[in-house]
Amino acid sequence: MGDGYFTENFVKLCIDNFTKEEVLKLISILDEKFGIKSTINKRTNPNGRVVWRIRISKTSMDKLRSLVSPYFIPEMLYKLGIKK
């Protein structure tokens, strides 16, 4: 619940310690197993370290919400763009 955020109708998963190859594998699994479309995003931290994140497509947000919201505590639903 904590390693990500909702903005502009999509979710970004902050999985900064995964390699680029691992992130691409996760993106593939999200699509194949759950039909969730996502892309890889590169971020350069202030210290110059490059990290990789997953951006969930806004077209897949309803699917993502339906799959994961039952497992969220109410105080964290804002991370999916759900208002209490």
C-alpha atoms as a PDB file:
ATOM      1  CA  MET A   1       0.000   0.000   0.000  1.00  0.00           C
ATOM      2  CA  GLY A   2       2.822   2.371   0.763  1.00  0.00           C
ATOM      3  CA  ASP A   3       5.174   2.151  -2.216  1.00  0.00           C
ATOM      4  CA  GLY A   4       3.217   4.046  -4.813  1.00  0.00           C
ATOM      5  CA  TYR A   5       0.972   6.997  -5.445  1.00  0.00           C
ATOM      6  CA  PHE A   6      -2.060   8.147  -7.424  1.00  0.00           C
ATOM      7  CA  THR A   7      -1.810  11.156  -9.697  1.00  0.00           C
ATOM      8  CA  GLU A   8      -3.567  12.392 -12.843  1.00  0.00           C
ATOM      9  CA  ASN A   9      -5.827   9.293 -13.039  1.00  0.00           C
ATOM     10  CA  PHE A  10      -3.047   6.714 -12.889  1.00  0.00           C
ATOM     11  CA  VAL A  11      -0.919   4.905 -10.304  1.00  0.00           C
ATOM     12  CA  LYS A  12       2.850   4.751 -10.127  1.00  0.00           C
ATOM     13  CA  LEU A  13       4.445   1.874  -8.257  1.00  0.00           C
ATOM     14  CA  CYS A  14       7.736   2.904  -6.670  1.00  0.00           C
ATOM     15  CA  ILE A  15       9.758  -0.274  -6.916  1.00  0.00           C
ATOM     16  CA  ASP A  16      13.090   1.508  -6.961  1.00  0.00           C
ATOM     17  CA  ASN A  17      15.251  -1.448  -5.908  1.00  0.00           C
ATOM     18  CA  PHE A  18      14.185  -3.678  -8.796  1.00  0.00           C
ATOM     19  CA  THR A  19      16.351  -3.933 -11.909  1.00  0.00           C
ATOM     20  CA  LYS A  20      15.030  -2.791 -15.273  1.00  0.00           C
ATOM     21  CA  GLU A  21      14.704  -6.441 -16.346  1.00  0.00           C
ATOM     22  CA  GLU A  22      12.715  -7.313 -13.215  1.00  0.00           C
ATOM     23  CA  VAL A  23      10.385  -4.359 -13.760  1.00  0.00           C
ATOM     24  CA  LEU A  24       9.788  -5.403 -17.381  1.00  0.00           C
ATOM     25  CA  LYS A  25       8.996  -8.924 -16.158  1.00  0.00           C
ATOM     26  CA  LEU A  26       6.507  -7.543 -13.612  1.00  0.00           C
ATOM     27  CA  ILE A  27       4.850  -5.451 -16.336  1.00  0.00           C
ATOM     28  CA  SER A  28       4.519  -8.573 -18.481  1.00  0.00           C
ATOM     29  CA  ILE A  29       2.977 -10.544 -15.598  1.00  0.00           C
ATOM     30  CA  LEU A  30       0.492  -7.759 -14.804  1.00  0.00           C
ATOM     31  CA  ASP A  31      -0.678  -7.874 -18.417  1.00  0.00           C
ATOM     32  CA  GLU A  32      -0.704 -11.648 -18.907  1.00  0.00           C
ATOM     33  CA  LYS A  33      -2.276 -12.668 -15.590  1.00  0.00           C
ATOM     34  CA  PHE A  34      -4.509  -9.698 -14.818  1.00  0.00           C
ATOM     35  CA  GLY A  35      -4.973  -7.734 -18.055  1.00  0.00           C
ATOM     36  CA  ILE A  36      -3.458  -4.638 -16.455  1.00  0.00           C
ATOM     37  CA  LYS A  37      -1.667  -2.417 -18.942  1.00  0.00           C
ATOM     38  CA  SER A  38       1.365  -0.565 -17.669  1.00  0.00           C
ATOM     39  CA  THR A  39       4.626   1.006 -18.781  1.00  0.00           C
ATOM     40  CA  ILE A  40       8.116   1.354 -17.378  1.00  0.00           C
ATOM     41  CA  ASN A  41       9.258   4.782 -16.207  1.00  0.00           C
ATOM     42  CA  LYS A  42      12.824   5.864 -15.606  1.00  0.00           C
ATOM     43  CA  ARG A  43      13.592   8.197 -12.714  1.00  0.00           C
ATOM     44  CA  THR A  44      16.929   9.712 -11.809  1.00  0.00           C
ATOM     45  CA  ASN A  45      17.182  10.389  -8.082  1.00  0.00           C
ATOM     46  CA  PRO A  46      18.849  13.581  -6.808  1.00  0.00           C
ATOM     47  CA  ASN A  47      21.977  11.523  -6.069  1.00  0.00           C
ATOM     48  CA  GLY A  48      22.145  10.492  -9.755  1.00  0.00           C
ATOM     49  CA  ARG A  49      20.964   6.915  -9.227  1.00  0.00           C
ATOM     50  CA  VAL A  50      18.622   5.659 -11.969  1.00  0.00           C
ATOM     51  CA  VAL A  51      15.591   3.708 -10.753  1.00  0.00           C
ATOM     52  CA  TRP A  52      12.663   2.111 -12.572  1.00  0.00           C
ATOM     53  CA  ARG A  53       8.964   2.399 -11.763  1.00  0.00           C
ATOM     54  CA  ILE A  54       5.727   0.991 -13.101  1.00  0.00           C
ATOM     55  CA  ARG A  55       3.013   3.331 -14.355  1.00  0.00           C
ATOM     56  CA  ILE A  56      -0.415   1.692 -14.445  1.00  0.00           C
ATOM     57  CA  SER A  57      -2.391   2.904 -17.460  1.00  0.00           C
ATOM     58  CA  LYS A  58      -5.521   4.900 -16.673  1.00  0.00           C
ATOM     59  CA  THR A  59      -7.429   2.457 -18.893  1.00  0.00           C
ATOM     60  CA  SER A  60      -6.528  -0.288 -16.383  1.00  0.00           C
ATOM     61  CA  MET A  61      -7.345   1.652 -13.217  1.00  0.00           C
ATOM     62  CA  ASP A  62     -10.834   0.146 -12.780  1.00  0.00           C
ATOM     63  CA  LYS A  63      -9.390  -3.358 -13.038  1.00  0.00           C
ATOM     64  CA  LEU A  64      -6.571  -2.549 -10.613  1.00  0.00           C
ATOM     65  CA  ARG A  65      -8.985  -1.038  -8.105  1.00  0.00           C
ATOM     66  CA  SER A  66     -11.315  -4.031  -8.252  1.00  0.00           C
ATOM     67  CA  LEU A  67      -8.420  -6.450  -7.676  1.00  0.00           C
ATOM     68  CA  VAL A  68      -6.576  -4.698  -4.857  1.00  0.00           C
ATOM     69  CA  SER A  69      -8.981  -2.360  -3.032  1.00  0.00           C
ATOM     70  CA  PRO A  70     -10.489  -5.182  -0.894  1.00  0.00           C
ATOM     71  CA  TYR A  71      -7.017  -5.627   0.655  1.00  0.00           C
ATOM     72  CA  PHE A  72      -6.422  -1.932   1.398  1.00  0.00           C
ATOM     73  CA  ILE A  73      -7.120  -0.366   4.743  1.00  0.00           C
ATOM     74  CA  PRO A  74      -9.576   2.537   4.336  1.00  0.00           C
ATOM     75  CA  GLU A  75      -6.929   5.134   5.219  1.00  0.00           C
ATOM     76  CA  MET A  76      -4.827   4.102   2.198  1.00  0.00           C
ATOM     77  CA  LEU A  77      -7.539   4.020  -0.498  1.00  0.00           C
ATOM     78  CA  TYR A  78      -6.489   7.496  -1.634  1.00  0.00           C
ATOM     79  CA  LYS A  79      -3.444   5.783  -3.199  1.00  0.00           C
ATOM     80  CA  LEU A  80      -5.894   4.265  -5.705  1.00  0.00           C
ATOM     81  CA  GLY A  81      -7.761   7.525  -6.238  1.00  0.00           C
ATOM     82  CA  ILE A  82     -10.672   6.336  -4.071  1.00  0.00           C
ATOM     83  CA  LYS A  83     -12.179   8.860  -1.705  1.00  0.00           C
ATOM     84  CA  LYS A  84     -13.533   7.601   1.620  1.00  0.00           C
END
